[in-house]
Amino acid sequence: VDVMETFWDTRPEDAPRVRANDATGRVRARDIRPPLGFDRVLVDAECTHDGSIKHIIKFSNAGRLDELASTVLRDSRSTTLPSLQLALLSRGFRLLRPGGTLVYSTCSMTLAQNEGVVAA
């Protein structure tokens, strides 16, 4: 899974280690990497939001708890998200320099989306 499709506008002289992808000078985030990797990487992975009190309150105050259960917290998401999360974590490690620090975070409280992904 390649989730690094974000574009930044930059001039080649501002980022000498980045090559432009097209004539406009735009580059993909996935092409930006220091020669030895990044010192720190944060992987804030997509999750089911079951640990996000703010998210739950928002649905509750709008009287939409059924919608929360049927969309955000549906069973199929909890079985498919760990593979995406593992792909994001793997990408984070590929971007990290040896000896660097990686932080993996979700707002889920499930073992499958946290300890399960890290253990894989």
PDB file of N, CA and C in Angstrom:
ATOM      1  N   VAL A   1       0.855  -1.176   0.000  1.00  0.00           N
ATOM      2  CA  VAL A   1       0.000   0.000   0.000  1.00  0.00           C
ATOM      3  C   VAL A   1       0.889   1.223   0.000  1.00  0.00           C
ATOM      4  N   ASP A   2       0.700   2.104  -0.950  1.00  0.00           N
ATOM      5  CA  ASP A   2       1.483   3.332  -1.008  1.00  0.00           C
ATOM      6  C   ASP A   2       0.561   4.490  -0.685  1.00  0.00           C
ATOM      7  N   VAL A   3       0.691   4.999   0.533  1.00  0.00           N
ATOM      8  CA  VAL A   3      -0.183   6.081   0.960  1.00  0.00           C
ATOM      9  C   VAL A   3       0.491   7.435   0.869  1.00  0.00           C
ATOM     10  N   MET A   4       1.705   7.474   0.384  1.00  0.00           N
ATOM     11  CA  MET A   4       2.465   8.716   0.332  1.00  0.00           C
ATOM     12  C   MET A   4       2.260   9.425  -0.998  1.00  0.00           C
ATOM     13  N   GLU A   5       1.052   9.822  -1.296  1.00  0.00           N
ATOM     14  CA  GLU A   5       0.743  10.471  -2.560  1.00  0.00           C
ATOM     15  C   GLU A   5       0.597  11.981  -2.427  1.00  0.00           C
ATOM     16  N   THR A   6       0.916  12.528  -1.249  1.00  0.00           N
ATOM     17  CA  THR A   6       0.780  13.961  -1.028  1.00  0.00           C
ATOM     18  C   THR A   6       1.791  14.712  -1.880  1.00  0.00           C
ATOM     19  N   PHE A   7       1.368  15.834  -2.453  1.00  0.00           N
ATOM     20  CA  PHE A   7       2.264  16.665  -3.246  1.00  0.00           C
ATOM     21  C   PHE A   7       2.606  17.934  -2.486  1.00  0.00           C
ATOM     22  N   TRP A   8       3.844  18.384  -2.617  1.00  0.00           N
ATOM     23  CA  TRP A   8       4.261  19.677  -2.107  1.00  0.00           C
ATOM     24  C   TRP A   8       4.837  20.451  -3.269  1.00  0.00           C
ATOM     25  N   ASP A   9       4.599  21.746  -3.275  1.00  0.00           N
ATOM     26  CA  ASP A   9       5.237  22.602  -4.262  1.00  0.00           C
ATOM     27  C   ASP A   9       6.585  23.018  -3.702  1.00  0.00           C
ATOM     28  N   THR A  10       7.619  22.864  -4.462  1.00  0.00           N
ATOM     29  CA  THR A  10       8.954  23.246  -4.022  1.00  0.00           C
ATOM     30  C   THR A  10       9.802  23.558  -5.238  1.00  0.00           C
ATOM     31  N   ARG A  11      10.824  24.300  -5.022  1.00  0.00           N
ATOM     32  CA  ARG A  11      11.788  24.564  -6.081  1.00  0.00           C
ATOM     33  C   ARG A  11      12.962  23.631  -5.848  1.00  0.00           C
ATOM     34  N   PRO A  12      13.528  23.053  -6.890  1.00  0.00           N
ATOM     35  CA  PRO A  12      14.637  22.122  -6.712  1.00  0.00           C
ATOM     36  C   PRO A  12      15.793  22.701  -5.898  1.00  0.00           C
ATOM     37  N   GLU A  13      16.056  24.014  -6.042  1.00  0.00           N
ATOM     38  CA  GLU A  13      17.161  24.591  -5.272  1.00  0.00           C
ATOM     39  C   GLU A  13      16.856  24.663  -3.778  1.00  0.00           C
ATOM     40  N   ASP A  14      15.569  24.624  -3.407  1.00  0.00           N
ATOM     41  CA  ASP A  14      15.196  24.629  -1.994  1.00  0.00           C
ATOM     42  C   ASP A  14      15.324  23.248  -1.367  1.00  0.00           C
ATOM     43  N   ALA A  15      15.273  22.225  -2.154  1.00  0.00           N
ATOM     44  CA  ALA A  15      15.348  20.854  -1.649  1.00  0.00           C
ATOM     45  C   ALA A  15      16.260  20.051  -2.559  1.00  0.00           C
ATOM     46  N   PRO A  16      17.578  20.202  -2.414  1.00  0.00           N
ATOM     47  CA  PRO A  16      18.498  19.588  -3.363  1.00  0.00           C
ATOM     48  C   PRO A  16      18.452  18.067  -3.406  1.00  0.00           C
ATOM     49  N   ARG A  17      17.942  17.415  -2.376  1.00  0.00           N
ATOM     50  CA  ARG A  17      17.893  15.954  -2.392  1.00  0.00           C
ATOM     51  C   ARG A  17      16.589  15.431  -2.978  1.00  0.00           C
ATOM     52  N   VAL A  18      15.756  16.330  -3.458  1.00  0.00           N
ATOM     53  CA  VAL A  18      14.453  15.960  -4.000  1.00  0.00           C
ATOM     54  C   VAL A  18      14.459  16.191  -5.496  1.00  0.00           C
ATOM     55  N   ARG A  19      14.000  15.214  -6.258  1.00  0.00           N
ATOM     56  CA  ARG A  19      13.902  15.428  -7.696  1.00  0.00           C
ATOM     57  C   ARG A  19      12.453  15.721  -8.042  1.00  0.00           C
ATOM     58  N   ALA A  20      12.257  16.656  -8.923  1.00  0.00           N
ATOM     59  CA  ALA A  20      10.904  17.031  -9.335  1.00  0.00           C
ATOM     60  C   ALA A  20      10.303  15.910 -10.170  1.00  0.00           C
ATOM     61  N   ASN A  21       9.013  15.674  -9.994  1.00  0.00           N
ATOM     62  CA  ASN A  21       8.322  14.626 -10.741  1.00  0.00           C
ATOM     63  C   ASN A  21       7.806  15.103 -12.083  1.00  0.00           C
ATOM     64  N   ASP A  22       7.689  16.412 -12.238  1.00  0.00           N
ATOM     65  CA  ASP A  22       7.195  16.922 -13.505  1.00  0.00           C
ATOM     66  C   ASP A  22       7.764  18.317 -13.751  1.00  0.00           C
ATOM     67  N   ALA A  23       7.390  18.906 -14.838  1.00  0.00           N
ATOM     68  CA  ALA A  23       7.953  20.201 -15.238  1.00  0.00           C
ATOM     69  C   ALA A  23       7.569  21.340 -14.302  1.00  0.00           C
ATOM     70  N   THR A  24       6.531  21.158 -13.489  1.00  0.00           N
ATOM     71  CA  THR A  24       6.111  22.230 -12.594  1.00  0.00           C
ATOM     72  C   THR A  24       6.969  22.301 -11.341  1.00  0.00           C
ATOM     73  N   GLY A  25       7.804  21.319 -11.122  1.00  0.00           N
ATOM     74  CA  GLY A  25       8.634  21.307  -9.927  1.00  0.00           C
ATOM     75  C   GLY A  25       7.963  20.669  -8.727  1.00  0.00           C
ATOM     76  N   ARG A  26       6.792  20.069  -8.938  1.00  0.00           N
ATOM     77  CA  ARG A  26       6.097  19.408  -7.833  1.00  0.00           C
ATOM     78  C   ARG A  26       6.747  18.066  -7.551  1.00  0.00           C
ATOM     79  N   VAL A  27       6.794  17.715  -6.282  1.00  0.00           N
ATOM     80  CA  VAL A  27       7.389  16.446  -5.874  1.00  0.00           C
ATOM     81  C   VAL A  27       6.399  15.684  -4.999  1.00  0.00           C
ATOM     82  N   ARG A  28       6.562  14.387  -4.973  1.00  0.00           N
ATOM     83  CA  ARG A  28       5.742  13.552  -4.106  1.00  0.00           C
ATOM     84  C   ARG A  28       6.456  13.400  -2.765  1.00  0.00           C
ATOM     85  N   ALA A  29       5.657  13.344  -1.708  1.00  0.00           N
ATOM     86  CA  ALA A  29       6.236  13.171  -0.376  1.00  0.00           C
ATOM     87  C   ALA A  29       7.088  11.906  -0.319  1.00  0.00           C
ATOM     88  N   ARG A  30       6.703  10.885  -1.051  1.00  0.00           N
ATOM     89  CA  ARG A  30       7.467   9.632  -1.007  1.00  0.00           C
ATOM     90  C   ARG A  30       8.864   9.777  -1.610  1.00  0.00           C
ATOM     91  N   ASP A  31       9.096  10.847  -2.384  1.00  0.00           N
ATOM     92  CA  ASP A  31      10.416  11.066  -2.975  1.00  0.00           C
ATOM     93  C   ASP A  31      11.338  11.880  -2.074  1.00  0.00           C
ATOM     94  N   ILE A  32      10.815  12.363  -0.946  1.00  0.00           N
ATOM     95  CA  ILE A  32      11.617  13.179  -0.045  1.00  0.00           C
ATOM     96  C   ILE A  32      12.203  12.284   1.036  1.00  0.00           C
ATOM     97  N   ARG A  33      13.500  12.131   1.021  1.00  0.00           N
ATOM     98  CA  ARG A  33      14.173  11.314   2.017  1.00  0.00           C
ATOM     99  C   ARG A  33      15.608  11.779   2.140  1.00  0.00           C
ATOM    100  N   PRO A  34      16.036  12.109   3.363  1.00  0.00           N
ATOM    101  CA  PRO A  34      17.450  12.431   3.531  1.00  0.00           C
ATOM    102  C   PRO A  34      18.292  11.211   3.166  1.00  0.00           C
ATOM    103  N   PRO A  35      19.559  11.392   2.841  1.00  0.00           N
ATOM    104  CA  PRO A  35      20.388  10.259   2.427  1.00  0.00           C
ATOM    105  C   PRO A  35      20.391   9.107   3.426  1.00  0.00           C
ATOM    106  N   LEU A  36      20.346   9.396   4.718  1.00  0.00           N
ATOM    107  CA  LEU A  36      20.379   8.337   5.727  1.00  0.00           C
ATOM    108  C   LEU A  36      19.021   8.068   6.361  1.00  0.00           C
ATOM    109  N   GLY A  37      17.975   8.669   5.863  1.00  0.00           N
ATOM    110  CA  GLY A  37      16.651   8.513   6.454  1.00  0.00           C
ATOM    111  C   GLY A  37      16.364   9.635   7.437  1.00  0.00           C
ATOM    112  N   PHE A  38      15.154   9.640   7.963  1.00  0.00           N
ATOM    113  CA  PHE A  38      14.740  10.674   8.901  1.00  0.00           C
ATOM    114  C   PHE A  38      15.133  10.301  10.324  1.00  0.00           C
ATOM    115  N   ASP A  39      15.440  11.309  11.146  1.00  0.00           N
ATOM    116  CA  ASP A  39      15.763  11.074  12.555  1.00  0.00           C
ATOM    117  C   ASP A  39      14.549  10.587  13.335  1.00  0.00           C
ATOM    118  N   ARG A  40      13.387  11.138  13.003  1.00  0.00           N
ATOM    119  CA  ARG A  40      12.149  10.807  13.696  1.00  0.00           C
ATOM    120  C   ARG A  40      11.023  10.617  12.677  1.00  0.00           C
ATOM    121  N   VAL A  41      10.195   9.614  12.930  1.00  0.00           N
ATOM    122  CA  VAL A  41       9.044   9.357  12.066  1.00  0.00           C
ATOM    123  C   VAL A  41       7.829   9.130  12.960  1.00  0.00           C
ATOM    124  N   LEU A  42       6.735   9.811  12.642  1.00  0.00           N
ATOM    125  CA  LEU A  42       5.468   9.605  13.331  1.00  0.00           C
ATOM    126  C   LEU A  42       4.520   8.900  12.372  1.00  0.00           C
ATOM    127  N   VAL A  43       4.021   7.744  12.787  1.00  0.00           N
ATOM    128  CA  VAL A  43       3.007   7.020  12.024  1.00  0.00           C
ATOM    129  C   VAL A  43       1.707   7.147  12.810  1.00  0.00           C
ATOM    130  N   ASP A  44       0.864   8.083  12.398  1.00  0.00           N
ATOM    131  CA  ASP A  44      -0.444   8.300  13.013  1.00  0.00           C
ATOM    132  C   ASP A  44      -1.449   7.579  12.125  1.00  0.00           C
ATOM    133  N   ALA A  45      -1.639   6.302  12.391  1.00  0.00           N
ATOM    134  CA  ALA A  45      -2.356   5.418  11.476  1.00  0.00           C
ATOM    135  C   ALA A  45      -3.871   5.573  11.549  1.00  0.00           C
ATOM    136  N   GLU A  46      -4.505   5.382  10.407  1.00  0.00           N
ATOM    137  CA  GLU A  46      -5.966   5.307  10.327  1.00  0.00           C
ATOM    138  C   GLU A  46      -6.427   4.205  11.268  1.00  0.00           C
ATOM    139  N   CYS A  47      -7.537   4.446  11.969  1.00  0.00           N
ATOM    140  CA  CYS A  47      -8.032   3.440  12.909  1.00  0.00           C
ATOM    141  C   CYS A  47      -9.549   3.530  12.991  1.00  0.00           C
ATOM    142  N   THR A  48     -10.142   2.739  13.887  1.00  0.00           N
ATOM    143  CA  THR A  48     -11.595   2.718  14.039  1.00  0.00           C
ATOM    144  C   THR A  48     -12.115   3.849  14.913  1.00  0.00           C
ATOM    145  N   HIS A  49     -11.266   4.626  15.526  1.00  0.00           N
ATOM    146  CA  HIS A  49     -11.643   5.773  16.365  1.00  0.00           C
ATOM    147  C   HIS A  49     -12.415   5.374  17.613  1.00  0.00           C
ATOM    148  N   ASP A  50     -12.363   4.108  18.007  1.00  0.00           N
ATOM    149  CA  ASP A  50     -13.122   3.694  19.183  1.00  0.00           C
ATOM    150  C   ASP A  50     -12.569   4.289  20.476  1.00  0.00           C
ATOM    151  N   GLY A  51     -11.355   4.784  20.452  1.00  0.00           N
ATOM    152  CA  GLY A  51     -10.770   5.407  21.639  1.00  0.00           C
ATOM    153  C   GLY A  51     -10.860   6.916  21.617  1.00  0.00           C
ATOM    154  N   SER A  52     -11.466   7.476  20.600  1.00  0.00           N
ATOM    155  CA  SER A  52     -11.560   8.930  20.466  1.00  0.00           C
ATOM    156  C   SER A  52     -12.838   9.432  21.131  1.00  0.00           C
ATOM    157  N   ILE A  53     -12.707   9.881  22.367  1.00  0.00           N
ATOM    158  CA  ILE A  53     -13.869  10.369  23.106  1.00  0.00           C
ATOM    159  C   ILE A  53     -14.515  11.542  22.366  1.00  0.00           C
ATOM    160  N   LYS A  54     -13.695  12.441  21.829  1.00  0.00           N
ATOM    161  CA  LYS A  54     -14.224  13.599  21.100  1.00  0.00           C
ATOM    162  C   LYS A  54     -15.074  13.152  19.918  1.00  0.00           C
ATOM    163  N   HIS A  55     -14.612  12.120  19.197  1.00  0.00           N
ATOM    164  CA  HIS A  55     -15.339  11.603  18.033  1.00  0.00           C
ATOM    165  C   HIS A  55     -16.671  10.986  18.469  1.00  0.00           C
ATOM    166  N   ILE A  56     -16.643  10.227  19.541  1.00  0.00           N
ATOM    167  CA  ILE A  56     -17.853   9.568  20.033  1.00  0.00           C
ATOM    168  C   ILE A  56     -18.855  10.612  20.532  1.00  0.00           C
ATOM    169  N   ILE A  57     -18.378  11.632  21.250  1.00  0.00           N
ATOM    170  CA  ILE A  57     -19.256  12.697  21.749  1.00  0.00           C
ATOM    171  C   ILE A  57     -19.903  13.445  20.584  1.00  0.00           C
ATOM    172  N   LYS A  58     -19.112  13.683  19.525  1.00  0.00           N
ATOM    173  CA  LYS A  58     -19.651  14.393  18.352  1.00  0.00           C
ATOM    174  C   LYS A  58     -20.847  13.637  17.776  1.00  0.00           C
ATOM    175  N   PHE A  59     -20.721  12.328  17.599  1.00  0.00           N
ATOM    176  CA  PHE A  59     -21.831  11.536  17.071  1.00  0.00           C
ATOM    177  C   PHE A  59     -22.981  11.476  18.069  1.00  0.00           C
ATOM    178  N   SER A  60     -22.655  11.363  19.348  1.00  0.00           N
ATOM    179  CA  SER A  60     -23.673  11.274  20.383  1.00  0.00           C
ATOM    180  C   SER A  60     -24.499  12.555  20.459  1.00  0.00           C
ATOM    181  N   ASN A  61     -23.839  13.692  20.464  1.00  0.00           N
ATOM    182  CA  ASN A  61     -24.537  14.981  20.538  1.00  0.00           C
ATOM    183  C   ASN A  61     -25.428  15.228  19.330  1.00  0.00           C
ATOM    184  N   ALA A  62     -25.068  14.662  18.203  1.00  0.00           N
ATOM    185  CA  ALA A  62     -25.877  14.821  16.988  1.00  0.00           C
ATOM    186  C   ALA A  62     -26.959  13.744  16.888  1.00  0.00           C
ATOM    187  N   GLY A  63     -27.041  12.876  17.921  1.00  0.00           N
ATOM    188  CA  GLY A  63     -28.031  11.804  17.894  1.00  0.00           C
ATOM    189  C   GLY A  63     -27.753  10.778  16.819  1.00  0.00           C
ATOM    190  N   ARG A  64     -26.472  10.560  16.509  1.00  0.00           N
ATOM    191  CA  ARG A  64     -26.107   9.683  15.388  1.00  0.00           C
ATOM    192  C   ARG A  64     -25.254   8.496  15.842  1.00  0.00           C
ATOM    193  N   LEU A  65     -25.510   7.944  17.029  1.00  0.00           N
ATOM    194  CA  LEU A  65     -24.715   6.809  17.501  1.00  0.00           C
ATOM    195  C   LEU A  65     -24.888   5.582  16.609  1.00  0.00           C
ATOM    196  N   ASP A  66     -26.072   5.410  16.024  1.00  0.00           N
ATOM    197  CA  ASP A  66     -26.277   4.293  15.089  1.00  0.00           C
ATOM    198  C   ASP A  66     -25.360   4.433  13.881  1.00  0.00           C
ATOM    199  N   GLU A  67     -25.212   5.668  13.395  1.00  0.00           N
ATOM    200  CA  GLU A  67     -24.315   5.916  12.265  1.00  0.00           C
ATOM    201  C   GLU A  67     -22.863   5.634  12.648  1.00  0.00           C
ATOM    202  N   LEU A  68     -22.489   6.021  13.851  1.00  0.00           N
ATOM    203  CA  LEU A  68     -21.133   5.731  14.342  1.00  0.00           C
ATOM    204  C   LEU A  68     -20.884   4.230  14.334  1.00  0.00           C
ATOM    205  N   ALA A  69     -21.821   3.481  14.859  1.00  0.00           N
ATOM    206  CA  ALA A  69     -21.671   2.027  14.923  1.00  0.00           C
ATOM    207  C   ALA A  69     -21.641   1.382  13.544  1.00  0.00           C
ATOM    208  N   SER A  70     -22.441   1.904  12.621  1.00  0.00           N
ATOM    209  CA  SER A  70     -22.539   1.262  11.308  1.00  0.00           C
ATOM    210  C   SER A  70     -21.440   1.690  10.332  1.00  0.00           C
ATOM    211  N   THR A  71     -20.762   2.773  10.605  1.00  0.00           N
ATOM    212  CA  THR A  71     -19.710   3.232   9.684  1.00  0.00           C
ATOM    213  C   THR A  71     -18.323   3.127  10.325  1.00  0.00           C
ATOM    214  N   VAL A  72     -18.099   3.910  11.330  1.00  0.00           N
ATOM    215  CA  VAL A  72     -16.766   3.994  11.934  1.00  0.00           C
ATOM    216  C   VAL A  72     -16.397   2.720  12.677  1.00  0.00           C
ATOM    217  N   LEU A  73     -17.319   2.169  13.439  1.00  0.00           N
ATOM    218  CA  LEU A  73     -17.009   1.020  14.295  1.00  0.00           C
ATOM    219  C   LEU A  73     -17.428  -0.319  13.709  1.00  0.00           C
ATOM    220  N   ARG A  74     -17.762  -0.373  12.436  1.00  0.00           N
ATOM    221  CA  ARG A  74     -18.248  -1.635  11.852  1.00  0.00           C
ATOM    222  C   ARG A  74     -17.153  -2.705  11.884  1.00  0.00           C
ATOM    223  N   ASP A  75     -17.583  -3.941  12.028  1.00  0.00           N
ATOM    224  CA  ASP A  75     -16.670  -5.074  12.168  1.00  0.00           C
ATOM    225  C   ASP A  75     -15.683  -5.199  11.016  1.00  0.00           C
ATOM    226  N   SER A  76     -16.131  -4.939   9.797  1.00  0.00           N
ATOM    227  CA  SER A  76     -15.241  -5.130   8.646  1.00  0.00           C
ATOM    228  C   SER A  76     -14.033  -4.193   8.720  1.00  0.00           C
ATOM    229  N   ARG A  77     -14.204  -2.994   9.284  1.00  0.00           N
ATOM    230  CA  ARG A  77     -13.066  -2.067   9.420  1.00  0.00           C
ATOM    231  C   ARG A  77     -12.042  -2.626  10.406  1.00  0.00           C
ATOM    232  N   SER A  78     -12.522  -3.251  11.476  1.00  0.00           N
ATOM    233  CA  SER A  78     -11.582  -3.746  12.480  1.00  0.00           C
ATOM    234  C   SER A  78     -10.797  -4.955  11.982  1.00  0.00           C
ATOM    235  N   THR A  79     -11.290  -5.594  10.922  1.00  0.00           N
ATOM    236  CA  THR A  79     -10.534  -6.718  10.369  1.00  0.00           C
ATOM    237  C   THR A  79      -9.637  -6.299   9.211  1.00  0.00           C
ATOM    238  N   THR A  80      -9.981  -5.206   8.511  1.00  0.00           N
ATOM    239  CA  THR A  80      -9.163  -4.767   7.373  1.00  0.00           C
ATOM    240  C   THR A  80      -8.128  -3.714   7.752  1.00  0.00           C
ATOM    241  N   LEU A  81      -8.387  -2.926   8.778  1.00  0.00           N
ATOM    242  CA  LEU A  81      -7.464  -1.858   9.137  1.00  0.00           C
ATOM    243  C   LEU A  81      -6.077  -2.338   9.578  1.00  0.00           C
ATOM    244  N   PRO A  82      -5.953  -3.427  10.322  1.00  0.00           N
ATOM    245  CA  PRO A  82      -4.599  -3.828  10.726  1.00  0.00           C
ATOM    246  C   PRO A  82      -3.624  -4.036   9.560  1.00  0.00           C
ATOM    247  N   SER A  83      -4.095  -4.507   8.419  1.00  0.00           N
ATOM    248  CA  SER A  83      -3.176  -4.666   7.286  1.00  0.00           C
ATOM    249  C   SER A  83      -2.730  -3.309   6.750  1.00  0.00           C
ATOM    250  N   LEU A  84      -3.631  -2.326   6.703  1.00  0.00           N
ATOM    251  CA  LEU A  84      -3.242  -0.971   6.305  1.00  0.00           C
ATOM    252  C   LEU A  84      -2.285  -0.381   7.330  1.00  0.00           C
ATOM    253  N   GLN A  85      -2.600  -0.566   8.603  1.00  0.00           N
ATOM    254  CA  GLN A  85      -1.746  -0.031   9.661  1.00  0.00           C
ATOM    255  C   GLN A  85      -0.345  -0.646   9.600  1.00  0.00           C
ATOM    256  N   LEU A  86      -0.262  -1.937   9.336  1.00  0.00           N
ATOM    257  CA  LEU A  86       1.038  -2.588   9.210  1.00  0.00           C
ATOM    258  C   LEU A  86       1.808  -2.037   8.013  1.00  0.00           C
ATOM    259  N   ALA A  87       1.113  -1.785   6.919  1.00  0.00           N
ATOM    260  CA  ALA A  87       1.766  -1.196   5.739  1.00  0.00           C
ATOM    261  C   ALA A  87       2.303   0.197   6.068  1.00  0.00           C
ATOM    262  N   LEU A  88       1.520   0.993   6.798  1.00  0.00           N
ATOM    263  CA  LEU A  88       1.971   2.333   7.199  1.00  0.00           C
ATOM    264  C   LEU A  88       3.180   2.243   8.119  1.00  0.00           C
ATOM    265  N   LEU A  89       3.135   1.323   9.068  1.00  0.00           N
ATOM    266  CA  LEU A  89       4.246   1.147   9.997  1.00  0.00           C
ATOM    267  C   LEU A  89       5.509   0.697   9.257  1.00  0.00           C
ATOM    268  N   SER A  90       5.353  -0.225   8.334  1.00  0.00           N
ATOM    269  CA  SER A  90       6.502  -0.697   7.539  1.00  0.00           C
ATOM    270  C   SER A  90       7.109   0.450   6.732  1.00  0.00           C
ATOM    271  N   ARG A  91       6.251   1.270   6.142  1.00  0.00           N
ATOM    272  CA  ARG A  91       6.731   2.439   5.387  1.00  0.00           C
ATOM    273  C   ARG A  91       7.487   3.394   6.305  1.00  0.00           C
ATOM    274  N   GLY A  92       6.961   3.590   7.513  1.00  0.00           N
ATOM    275  CA  GLY A  92       7.635   4.444   8.488  1.00  0.00           C
ATOM    276  C   GLY A  92       9.031   3.948   8.802  1.00  0.00           C
ATOM    277  N   PHE A  93       9.180   2.652   8.986  1.00  0.00           N
ATOM    278  CA  PHE A  93      10.506   2.093   9.274  1.00  0.00           C
ATOM    279  C   PHE A  93      11.451   2.243   8.084  1.00  0.00           C
ATOM    280  N   ARG A  94      10.927   2.131   6.872  1.00  0.00           N
ATOM    281  CA  ARG A  94      11.778   2.317   5.691  1.00  0.00           C
ATOM    282  C   ARG A  94      12.285   3.751   5.583  1.00  0.00           C
ATOM    283  N   LEU A  95      11.524   4.709   6.110  1.00  0.00           N
ATOM    284  CA  LEU A  95      11.917   6.119   6.062  1.00  0.00           C
ATOM    285  C   LEU A  95      12.833   6.517   7.221  1.00  0.00           C
ATOM    286  N   LEU A  96      12.982   5.663   8.209  1.00  0.00           N
ATOM    287  CA  LEU A  96      13.732   5.970   9.421  1.00  0.00           C
ATOM    288  C   LEU A  96      15.209   5.640   9.256  1.00  0.00           C
ATOM    289  N   ARG A  97      16.063   6.516   9.737  1.00  0.00           N
ATOM    290  CA  ARG A  97      17.495   6.238   9.705  1.00  0.00           C
ATOM    291  C   ARG A  97      17.832   5.235  10.814  1.00  0.00           C
ATOM    292  N   PRO A  98      18.927   4.502  10.682  1.00  0.00           N
ATOM    293  CA  PRO A  98      19.342   3.606  11.764  1.00  0.00           C
ATOM    294  C   PRO A  98      19.558   4.403  13.048  1.00  0.00           C
ATOM    295  N   GLY A  99      18.995   3.916  14.142  1.00  0.00           N
ATOM    296  CA  GLY A  99      19.108   4.602  15.418  1.00  0.00           C
ATOM    297  C   GLY A  99      18.068   5.690  15.622  1.00  0.00           C
ATOM    298  N   GLY A 100      17.203   5.914  14.627  1.00  0.00           N
ATOM    299  CA  GLY A 100      16.167   6.945  14.728  1.00  0.00           C
ATOM    300  C   GLY A 100      15.016   6.482  15.608  1.00  0.00           C
ATOM    301  N   THR A 101      14.060   7.371  15.814  1.00  0.00           N
ATOM    302  CA  THR A 101      12.910   7.095  16.670  1.00  0.00           C
ATOM    303  C   THR A 101      11.639   7.081  15.839  1.00  0.00           C
ATOM    304  N   LEU A 102      10.854   6.023  15.977  1.00  0.00           N
ATOM    305  CA  LEU A 102       9.566   5.919  15.309  1.00  0.00           C
ATOM    306  C   LEU A 102       8.480   5.843  16.376  1.00  0.00           C
ATOM    307  N   VAL A 103       7.435   6.635  16.213  1.00  0.00           N
ATOM    308  CA  VAL A 103       6.274   6.592  17.102  1.00  0.00           C
ATOM    309  C   VAL A 103       5.088   6.119  16.275  1.00  0.00           C
ATOM    310  N   TYR A 104       4.433   5.064  16.744  1.00  0.00           N
ATOM    311  CA  TYR A 104       3.225   4.537  16.094  1.00  0.00           C
ATOM    312  C   TYR A 104       2.042   4.884  16.982  1.00  0.00           C
ATOM    313  N   SER A 105       1.030   5.532  16.420  1.00  0.00           N
ATOM    314  CA  SER A 105      -0.122   5.896  17.246  1.00  0.00           C
ATOM    315  C   SER A 105      -1.422   5.667  16.497  1.00  0.00           C
ATOM    316  N   THR A 106      -2.444   5.324  17.258  1.00  0.00           N
ATOM    317  CA  THR A 106      -3.817   5.263  16.779  1.00  0.00           C
ATOM    318  C   THR A 106      -4.689   5.831  17.893  1.00  0.00           C
ATOM    319  N   CYS A 107      -5.941   6.085  17.604  1.00  0.00           N
ATOM    320  CA  CYS A 107      -6.869   6.483  18.665  1.00  0.00           C
ATOM    321  C   CYS A 107      -7.782   5.314  19.010  1.00  0.00           C
ATOM    322  N   SER A 108      -7.368   4.128  18.622  1.00  0.00           N
ATOM    323  CA  SER A 108      -8.116   2.920  18.943  1.00  0.00           C
ATOM    324  C   SER A 108      -7.586   2.327  20.243  1.00  0.00           C
ATOM    325  N   MET A 109      -8.442   1.624  20.937  1.00  0.00           N
ATOM    326  CA  MET A 109      -8.005   0.936  22.155  1.00  0.00           C
ATOM    327  C   MET A 109      -7.936  -0.574  21.939  1.00  0.00           C
ATOM    328  N   THR A 110      -8.095  -1.037  20.699  1.00  0.00           N
ATOM    329  CA  THR A 110      -8.080  -2.477  20.456  1.00  0.00           C
ATOM    330  C   THR A 110      -6.656  -3.004  20.355  1.00  0.00           C
ATOM    331  N   LEU A 111      -6.463  -4.199  20.862  1.00  0.00           N
ATOM    332  CA  LEU A 111      -5.145  -4.838  20.776  1.00  0.00           C
ATOM    333  C   LEU A 111      -4.751  -5.093  19.325  1.00  0.00           C
ATOM    334  N   ALA A 112      -5.712  -5.459  18.492  1.00  0.00           N
ATOM    335  CA  ALA A 112      -5.414  -5.792  17.094  1.00  0.00           C
ATOM    336  C   ALA A 112      -4.829  -4.601  16.344  1.00  0.00           C
ATOM    337  N   GLN A 113      -5.254  -3.389  16.667  1.00  0.00           N
ATOM    338  CA  GLN A 113      -4.797  -2.203  15.949  1.00  0.00           C
ATOM    339  C   GLN A 113      -3.555  -1.562  16.595  1.00  0.00           C
ATOM    340  N   ASN A 114      -3.161  -2.038  17.732  1.00  0.00           N
ATOM    341  CA  ASN A 114      -2.007  -1.471  18.428  1.00  0.00           C
ATOM    342  C   ASN A 114      -0.933  -2.532  18.624  1.00  0.00           C
ATOM    343  N   GLU A 115      -1.005  -3.265  19.719  1.00  0.00           N
ATOM    344  CA  GLU A 115       0.001  -4.284  20.004  1.00  0.00           C
ATOM    345  C   GLU A 115       0.094  -5.327  18.892  1.00  0.00           C
ATOM    346  N   GLY A 116      -1.060  -5.674  18.302  1.00  0.00           N
ATOM    347  CA  GLY A 116      -1.072  -6.662  17.230  1.00  0.00           C
ATOM    348  C   GLY A 116      -0.289  -6.211  16.012  1.00  0.00           C
ATOM    349  N   VAL A 117      -0.422  -4.954  15.652  1.00  0.00           N
ATOM    350  CA  VAL A 117       0.302  -4.415  14.492  1.00  0.00           C
ATOM    351  C   VAL A 117       1.785  -4.320  14.800  1.00  0.00           C
ATOM    352  N   VAL A 118       2.129  -3.834  15.985  1.00  0.00           N
ATOM    353  CA  VAL A 118       3.530  -3.678  16.349  1.00  0.00           C
ATOM    354  C   VAL A 118       4.221  -5.045  16.456  1.00  0.00           C
ATOM    355  N   ALA A 119       3.511  -6.035  16.966  1.00  0.00           N
ATOM    356  CA  ALA A 119       4.082  -7.375  17.104  1.00  0.00           C
ATOM    357  C   ALA A 119       4.289  -8.065  15.752  1.00  0.00           C
ATOM    358  N   ALA A 120       3.483  -7.682  14.756  1.00  0.00           N
ATOM    359  CA  ALA A 120       3.589  -8.315  13.438  1.00  0.00           C
ATOM    360  C   ALA A 120       4.889  -7.886  12.807  1.00  0.00           C
TER     361      ALA A 120
END
